[in-house]
PDB file of all heavy atoms in Angstrom:
ATOM      1  N   ASP A   1      -6.521   3.003  -4.498  1.00  0.00           N
ATOM      2  CA  ASP A   1      -7.109   2.705  -5.809  1.00  0.00           C
ATOM      3  C   ASP A   1      -8.080   3.808  -6.206  1.00  0.00           C
ATOM      4  O   ASP A   1      -8.248   4.108  -7.394  1.00  0.00           O
ATOM      5  CB  ASP A   1      -7.856   1.374  -5.778  1.00  0.00           C
ATOM      6  CG  ASP A   1      -6.934   0.177  -5.664  1.00  0.00           C
ATOM      7  OD1 ASP A   1      -5.706   0.354  -5.808  1.00  0.00           O
ATOM      8  OD2 ASP A   1      -7.438  -0.927  -5.409  1.00  0.00           O
ATOM      9  N   GLN A   2      -8.751   4.397  -5.201  1.00  0.00           N
ATOM     10  CA  GLN A   2      -9.736   5.445  -5.442  1.00  0.00           C
ATOM     11  C   GLN A   2      -9.137   6.847  -5.328  1.00  0.00           C
ATOM     12  O   GLN A   2      -9.500   7.746  -6.066  1.00  0.00           O
ATOM     13  CB  GLN A   2     -10.895   5.301  -4.445  1.00  0.00           C
ATOM     14  CG  GLN A   2     -11.563   3.940  -4.458  1.00  0.00           C
ATOM     15  CD  GLN A   2     -12.150   3.595  -5.811  1.00  0.00           C
ATOM     16  OE1 GLN A   2     -12.748   4.466  -6.467  1.00  0.00           O
ATOM     17  NE2 GLN A   2     -12.002   2.357  -6.244  1.00  0.00           N
ATOM     18  N   GLN A   3      -8.247   7.030  -4.374  1.00  0.00           N
ATOM     19  CA  GLN A   3      -7.560   8.303  -4.179  1.00  0.00           C
ATOM     20  C   GLN A   3      -6.066   8.036  -4.217  1.00  0.00           C
ATOM     21  O   GLN A   3      -5.446   7.793  -3.187  1.00  0.00           O
ATOM     22  CB  GLN A   3      -7.956   8.945  -2.849  1.00  0.00           C
ATOM     23  CG  GLN A   3      -9.421   9.347  -2.745  1.00  0.00           C
ATOM     24  CD  GLN A   3      -9.726   9.922  -1.382  1.00  0.00           C
ATOM     25  OE1 GLN A   3      -9.954   9.183  -0.426  1.00  0.00           O
ATOM     26  NE2 GLN A   3      -9.706  11.234  -1.282  1.00  0.00           N
ATOM     27  N   PRO A   4      -5.472   8.059  -5.380  1.00  0.00           N
ATOM     28  CA  PRO A   4      -4.093   7.571  -5.531  1.00  0.00           C
ATOM     29  C   PRO A   4      -3.062   8.368  -4.741  1.00  0.00           C
ATOM     30  O   PRO A   4      -3.187   9.568  -4.530  1.00  0.00           O
ATOM     31  CB  PRO A   4      -3.836   7.700  -7.039  1.00  0.00           C
ATOM     32  CG  PRO A   4      -5.193   7.741  -7.666  1.00  0.00           C
ATOM     33  CD  PRO A   4      -6.061   8.429  -6.683  1.00  0.00           C
ATOM     34  N   VAL A   5      -2.048   7.651  -4.324  1.00  0.00           N
ATOM     35  CA  VAL A   5      -0.806   8.209  -3.802  1.00  0.00           C
ATOM     36  C   VAL A   5       0.298   7.687  -4.706  1.00  0.00           C
ATOM     37  O   VAL A   5       0.308   6.513  -5.093  1.00  0.00           O
ATOM     38  CB  VAL A   5      -0.563   7.777  -2.340  1.00  0.00           C
ATOM     39  CG1 VAL A   5       0.864   8.088  -1.914  1.00  0.00           C
ATOM     40  CG2 VAL A   5      -1.545   8.460  -1.406  1.00  0.00           C
ATOM     41  N   TYR A   6       1.232   8.549  -5.051  1.00  0.00           N
ATOM     42  CA  TYR A   6       2.305   8.178  -5.972  1.00  0.00           C
ATOM     43  C   TYR A   6       3.653   8.233  -5.246  1.00  0.00           C
ATOM     44  O   TYR A   6       3.839   9.050  -4.344  1.00  0.00           O
ATOM     45  CB  TYR A   6       2.304   9.130  -7.176  1.00  0.00           C
ATOM     46  CG  TYR A   6       1.027   9.076  -7.960  1.00  0.00           C
ATOM     47  CD1 TYR A   6       0.026  10.028  -7.747  1.00  0.00           C
ATOM     48  CD2 TYR A   6       0.794   8.048  -8.872  1.00  0.00           C
ATOM     49  CE1 TYR A   6      -1.167   9.962  -8.453  1.00  0.00           C
ATOM     50  CE2 TYR A   6      -0.390   7.990  -9.587  1.00  0.00           C
ATOM     51  CZ  TYR A   6      -1.368   8.939  -9.359  1.00  0.00           C
ATOM     52  OH  TYR A   6      -2.546   8.868 -10.058  1.00  0.00           O
ATOM     53  N   PRO A   7       4.557   7.315  -5.592  1.00  0.00           N
ATOM     54  CA  PRO A   7       4.556   6.393  -6.729  1.00  0.00           C
ATOM     55  C   PRO A   7       3.783   5.098  -6.532  1.00  0.00           C
ATOM     56  O   PRO A   7       3.734   4.266  -7.439  1.00  0.00           O
ATOM     57  CB  PRO A   7       6.034   6.082  -6.909  1.00  0.00           C
ATOM     58  CG  PRO A   7       6.564   6.098  -5.518  1.00  0.00           C
ATOM     59  CD  PRO A   7       5.838   7.215  -4.833  1.00  0.00           C
ATOM     60  N   ALA A   8       3.177   4.891  -5.351  1.00  0.00           N
ATOM     61  CA  ALA A   8       2.565   3.599  -5.059  1.00  0.00           C
ATOM     62  C   ALA A   8       1.521   3.192  -6.089  1.00  0.00           C
ATOM     63  O   ALA A   8       1.369   1.994  -6.406  1.00  0.00           O
ATOM     64  CB  ALA A   8       1.945   3.624  -3.667  1.00  0.00           C
ATOM     65  N   ALA A   9       0.767   4.140  -6.624  1.00  0.00           N
ATOM     66  CA  ALA A   9      -0.328   3.812  -7.540  1.00  0.00           C
ATOM     67  C   ALA A   9       0.123   3.614  -8.982  1.00  0.00           C
ATOM     68  O   ALA A   9      -0.710   3.322  -9.855  1.00  0.00           O
ATOM     69  CB  ALA A   9      -1.395   4.907  -7.476  1.00  0.00           C
ATOM     70  N   LEU A  10       1.410   3.733  -9.258  1.00  0.00           N
ATOM     71  CA  LEU A  10       1.890   3.532 -10.625  1.00  0.00           C
ATOM     72  C   LEU A  10       1.841   2.050 -10.990  1.00  0.00           C
ATOM     73  O   LEU A  10       2.089   1.184 -10.168  1.00  0.00           O
ATOM     74  CB  LEU A  10       3.325   4.043 -10.759  1.00  0.00           C
ATOM     75  CG  LEU A  10       3.537   5.541 -10.525  1.00  0.00           C
ATOM     76  CD1 LEU A  10       5.019   5.875 -10.579  1.00  0.00           C
ATOM     77  CD2 LEU A  10       2.759   6.373 -11.549  1.00  0.00           C
ATOM     78  N   ASP A  11       1.552   1.782 -12.250  1.00  0.00           N
ATOM     79  CA  ASP A  11       1.461   0.402 -12.744  1.00  0.00           C
ATOM     80  C   ASP A  11       2.806   0.020 -13.362  1.00  0.00           C
ATOM     81  O   ASP A  11       3.021   0.178 -14.558  1.00  0.00           O
ATOM     82  CB  ASP A  11       0.331   0.285 -13.758  1.00  0.00           C
ATOM     83  CG  ASP A  11       0.122  -1.148 -14.227  1.00  0.00           C
ATOM     84  OD1 ASP A  11       0.661  -2.061 -13.574  1.00  0.00           O
ATOM     85  OD2 ASP A  11      -0.574  -1.352 -15.232  1.00  0.00           O
ATOM     86  N   LEU A  12       3.699  -0.479 -12.524  1.00  0.00           N
ATOM     87  CA  LEU A  12       5.033  -0.874 -12.973  1.00  0.00           C
ATOM     88  C   LEU A  12       5.292  -2.321 -12.558  1.00  0.00           C
ATOM     89  O   LEU A  12       5.073  -2.678 -11.403  1.00  0.00           O
ATOM     90  CB  LEU A  12       6.099   0.017 -12.351  1.00  0.00           C
ATOM     91  CG  LEU A  12       6.178   1.471 -12.818  1.00  0.00           C
ATOM     92  CD1 LEU A  12       7.081   2.272 -11.881  1.00  0.00           C
ATOM     93  CD2 LEU A  12       6.699   1.534 -14.243  1.00  0.00           C
ATOM     94  N   PRO A  13       5.771  -3.160 -13.448  1.00  0.00           N
ATOM     95  CA  PRO A  13       6.005  -4.565 -13.100  1.00  0.00           C
ATOM     96  C   PRO A  13       7.136  -4.753 -12.077  1.00  0.00           C
ATOM     97  O   PRO A  13       7.187  -5.786 -11.410  1.00  0.00           O
ATOM     98  CB  PRO A  13       6.350  -5.224 -14.437  1.00  0.00           C
ATOM     99  CG  PRO A  13       6.836  -4.106 -15.301  1.00  0.00           C
ATOM    100  CD  PRO A  13       6.071  -2.898 -14.882  1.00  0.00           C
ATOM    101  N   ASN A  14       8.020  -3.771 -11.963  1.00  0.00           N
ATOM    102  CA  ASN A  14       9.128  -3.884 -11.021  1.00  0.00           C
ATOM    103  C   ASN A  14       8.936  -2.983  -9.797  1.00  0.00           C
ATOM    104  O   ASN A  14       9.903  -2.604  -9.134  1.00  0.00           O
ATOM    105  CB  ASN A  14      10.468  -3.566 -11.693  1.00  0.00           C
ATOM    106  CG  ASN A  14      10.472  -2.230 -12.409  1.00  0.00           C
ATOM    107  OD1 ASN A  14       9.430  -1.710 -12.791  1.00  0.00           O
ATOM    108  ND2 ASN A  14      11.669  -1.681 -12.606  1.00  0.00           N
ATOM    109  N   LEU A  15       7.670  -2.667  -9.486  1.00  0.00           N
ATOM    110  CA  LEU A  15       7.338  -1.862  -8.312  1.00  0.00           C
ATOM    111  C   LEU A  15       6.536  -2.717  -7.331  1.00  0.00           C
ATOM    112  O   LEU A  15       5.502  -3.294  -7.676  1.00  0.00           O
ATOM    113  CB  LEU A  15       6.505  -0.636  -8.708  1.00  0.00           C
ATOM    114  CG  LEU A  15       6.000   0.246  -7.555  1.00  0.00           C
ATOM    115  CD1 LEU A  15       7.170   0.942  -6.871  1.00  0.00           C
ATOM    116  CD2 LEU A  15       4.986   1.278  -8.069  1.00  0.00           C
ATOM    117  N   LEU A  16       7.021  -2.822  -6.105  1.00  0.00           N
ATOM    118  CA  LEU A  16       6.360  -3.555  -5.033  1.00  0.00           C
ATOM    119  C   LEU A  16       5.885  -2.531  -4.009  1.00  0.00           C
ATOM    120  O   LEU A  16       6.671  -1.705  -3.541  1.00  0.00           O
ATOM    121  CB  LEU A  16       7.339  -4.538  -4.385  1.00  0.00           C
ATOM    122  CG  LEU A  16       6.805  -5.506  -3.337  1.00  0.00           C
ATOM    123  CD1 LEU A  16       5.881  -6.534  -3.974  1.00  0.00           C
ATOM    124  CD2 LEU A  16       7.964  -6.194  -2.637  1.00  0.00           C
ATOM    125  N   VAL A  17       4.600  -2.563  -3.655  1.00  0.00           N
ATOM    126  CA  VAL A  17       4.016  -1.566  -2.754  1.00  0.00           C
ATOM    127  C   VAL A  17       3.601  -2.234  -1.459  1.00  0.00           C
ATOM    128  O   VAL A  17       2.942  -3.280  -1.468  1.00  0.00           O
ATOM    129  CB  VAL A  17       2.820  -0.864  -3.420  1.00  0.00           C
ATOM    130  CG1 VAL A  17       2.217   0.175  -2.476  1.00  0.00           C
ATOM    131  CG2 VAL A  17       3.238  -0.213  -4.733  1.00  0.00           C
ATOM    132  N   VAL A  18       3.974  -1.623  -0.345  1.00  0.00           N
ATOM    133  CA  VAL A  18       3.718  -2.231   0.960  1.00  0.00           C
ATOM    134  C   VAL A  18       3.073  -1.221   1.905  1.00  0.00           C
ATOM    135  O   VAL A  18       3.276  -0.015   1.797  1.00  0.00           O
ATOM    136  CB  VAL A  18       5.012  -2.784   1.584  1.00  0.00           C
ATOM    137  CG1 VAL A  18       5.550  -3.939   0.757  1.00  0.00           C
ATOM    138  CG2 VAL A  18       6.077  -1.692   1.743  1.00  0.00           C
ATOM    139  N   THR A  19       2.302  -1.774   2.838  1.00  0.00           N
ATOM    140  CA  THR A  19       1.699  -0.981   3.902  1.00  0.00           C
ATOM    141  C   THR A  19       1.962  -1.676   5.220  1.00  0.00           C
ATOM    142  O   THR A  19       2.556  -2.758   5.258  1.00  0.00           O
ATOM    143  CB  THR A  19       0.201  -0.766   3.650  1.00  0.00           C
ATOM    144  OG1 THR A  19      -0.297   0.286   4.494  1.00  0.00           O
ATOM    145  CG2 THR A  19      -0.602  -2.044   3.884  1.00  0.00           C
ATOM    146  N   SER A  20       1.530  -1.089   6.311  1.00  0.00           N
ATOM    147  CA  SER A  20       1.856  -1.613   7.639  1.00  0.00           C
ATOM    148  C   SER A  20       0.715  -2.452   8.191  1.00  0.00           C
ATOM    149  O   SER A  20      -0.464  -2.127   8.018  1.00  0.00           O
ATOM    150  CB  SER A  20       2.150  -0.464   8.596  1.00  0.00           C
ATOM    151  OG  SER A  20       2.472  -0.934   9.888  1.00  0.00           O
ATOM    152  N   ALA A  21       1.078  -3.543   8.884  1.00  0.00           N
ATOM    153  CA  ALA A  21       0.116  -4.436   9.542  1.00  0.00           C
ATOM    154  C   ALA A  21       0.248  -4.291  11.052  1.00  0.00           C
ATOM    155  O   ALA A  21       1.340  -4.082  11.586  1.00  0.00           O
ATOM    156  CB  ALA A  21       0.359  -5.882   9.134  1.00  0.00           C
ATOM    157  N   ASP A  22      -0.878  -4.448  11.756  1.00  0.00           N
ATOM    158  CA  ASP A  22      -0.853  -4.359  13.210  1.00  0.00           C
ATOM    159  C   ASP A  22      -0.664  -5.741  13.827  1.00  0.00           C
ATOM    160  O   ASP A  22      -0.465  -6.741  13.132  1.00  0.00           O
ATOM    161  CB  ASP A  22      -2.120  -3.675  13.732  1.00  0.00           C
ATOM    162  CG  ASP A  22      -3.411  -4.450  13.449  1.00  0.00           C
ATOM    163  OD1 ASP A  22      -3.347  -5.655  13.099  1.00  0.00           O
ATOM    164  OD2 ASP A  22      -4.493  -3.862  13.603  1.00  0.00           O
ATOM    165  N   ASP A  23      -0.762  -5.822  15.153  1.00  0.00           N
ATOM    166  CA  ASP A  23      -0.550  -7.081  15.865  1.00  0.00           C
ATOM    167  C   ASP A  23      -1.626  -8.127  15.554  1.00  0.00           C
ATOM    168  O   ASP A  23      -1.448  -9.309  15.864  1.00  0.00           O
ATOM    169  CB  ASP A  23      -0.524  -6.847  17.377  1.00  0.00           C
ATOM    170  CG  ASP A  23       0.743  -6.148  17.832  1.00  0.00           C
ATOM    171  OD1 ASP A  23       1.735  -6.188  17.085  1.00  0.00           O
ATOM    172  OD2 ASP A  23       0.744  -5.558  18.933  1.00  0.00           O
ATOM    173  N   PHE A  24      -2.744  -7.688  14.981  1.00  0.00           N
ATOM    174  CA  PHE A  24      -3.823  -8.604  14.639  1.00  0.00           C
ATOM    175  C   PHE A  24      -3.731  -9.065  13.183  1.00  0.00           C
ATOM    176  O   PHE A  24      -4.666  -9.662  12.661  1.00  0.00           O
ATOM    177  CB  PHE A  24      -5.185  -7.948  14.903  1.00  0.00           C
ATOM    178  CG  PHE A  24      -5.516  -7.817  16.354  1.00  0.00           C
ATOM    179  CD1 PHE A  24      -5.017  -6.757  17.100  1.00  0.00           C
ATOM    180  CD2 PHE A  24      -6.309  -8.758  17.000  1.00  0.00           C
ATOM    181  CE1 PHE A  24      -5.302  -6.637  18.452  1.00  0.00           C
ATOM    182  CE2 PHE A  24      -6.600  -8.644  18.346  1.00  0.00           C
ATOM    183  CZ  PHE A  24      -6.089  -7.585  19.080  1.00  0.00           C
ATOM    184  N   ALA A  25      -2.611  -8.780  12.532  1.00  0.00           N
ATOM    185  CA  ALA A  25      -2.394  -9.147  11.135  1.00  0.00           C
ATOM    186  C   ALA A  25      -3.433  -8.511  10.229  1.00  0.00           C
ATOM    187  O   ALA A  25      -3.888  -9.107   9.266  1.00  0.00           O
ATOM    188  CB  ALA A  25      -2.376 -10.671  10.963  1.00  0.00           C
ATOM    189  N   ARG A  26      -3.782  -7.257  10.546  1.00  0.00           N
ATOM    190  CA  ARG A  26      -4.694  -6.463   9.731  1.00  0.00           C
ATOM    191  C   ARG A  26      -3.975  -5.195   9.293  1.00  0.00           C
ATOM    192  O   ARG A  26      -3.002  -4.790   9.924  1.00  0.00           O
ATOM    193  CB  ARG A  26      -5.925  -6.059  10.557  1.00  0.00           C
ATOM    194  CG  ARG A  26      -6.679  -7.176  11.215  1.00  0.00           C
ATOM    195  CD  ARG A  26      -7.727  -6.641  12.171  1.00  0.00           C
ATOM    196  NE  ARG A  26      -7.152  -5.765  13.183  1.00  0.00           N
ATOM    197  CZ  ARG A  26      -7.768  -5.427  14.320  1.00  0.00           C
ATOM    198  NH1 ARG A  26      -8.982  -5.899  14.566  1.00  0.00           N
ATOM    199  NH2 ARG A  26      -7.186  -4.619  15.200  1.00  0.00           N
ATOM    200  N   PRO A  27      -4.471  -4.531   8.232  1.00  0.00           N
ATOM    201  CA  PRO A  27      -3.898  -3.216   7.916  1.00  0.00           C
ATOM    202  C   PRO A  27      -4.008  -2.313   9.145  1.00  0.00           C
ATOM    203  O   PRO A  27      -5.069  -2.204   9.755  1.00  0.00           O
ATOM    204  CB  PRO A  27      -4.784  -2.724   6.768  1.00  0.00           C
ATOM    205  CG  PRO A  27      -5.291  -3.975   6.125  1.00  0.00           C
ATOM    206  CD  PRO A  27      -5.509  -4.946   7.250  1.00  0.00           C
ATOM    207  N   ALA A  28      -2.908  -1.687   9.515  1.00  0.00           N
ATOM    208  CA  ALA A  28      -2.865  -0.885  10.727  1.00  0.00           C
ATOM    209  C   ALA A  28      -3.750   0.354  10.597  1.00  0.00           C
ATOM    210  O   ALA A  28      -4.036   0.834   9.500  1.00  0.00           O
ATOM    211  CB  ALA A  28      -1.425  -0.481  11.021  1.00  0.00           C
ATOM    212  N   GLU A  29      -4.159   0.868  11.736  1.00  0.00           N
ATOM    213  CA  GLU A  29      -4.993   2.060  11.757  1.00  0.00           C
ATOM    214  C   GLU A  29      -4.245   3.234  11.118  1.00  0.00           C
ATOM    215  O   GLU A  29      -3.086   3.503  11.444  1.00  0.00           O
ATOM    216  CB  GLU A  29      -5.370   2.418  13.196  1.00  0.00           C
ATOM    217  CG  GLU A  29      -6.287   3.615  13.312  1.00  0.00           C
ATOM    218  CD  GLU A  29      -6.696   3.916  14.739  1.00  0.00           C
ATOM    219  OE1 GLU A  29      -6.264   3.165  15.648  1.00  0.00           O
ATOM    220  OE2 GLU A  29      -7.427   4.886  14.948  1.00  0.00           O
ATOM    221  N   GLY A  30      -4.899   3.911  10.199  1.00  0.00           N
ATOM    222  CA  GLY A  30      -4.343   5.113   9.601  1.00  0.00           C
ATOM    223  C   GLY A  30      -3.499   4.906   8.369  1.00  0.00           C
ATOM    224  O   GLY A  30      -3.114   5.882   7.721  1.00  0.00           O
TER     225      GLY A  30
END
């Protein structure tokens, strides 16, 4: 949100953006 990466930061209604979760159900390191 602060330092965008594209296409993930584009505002599109048909765009789904995902990241990785670790074994603790948290955003993974890095």
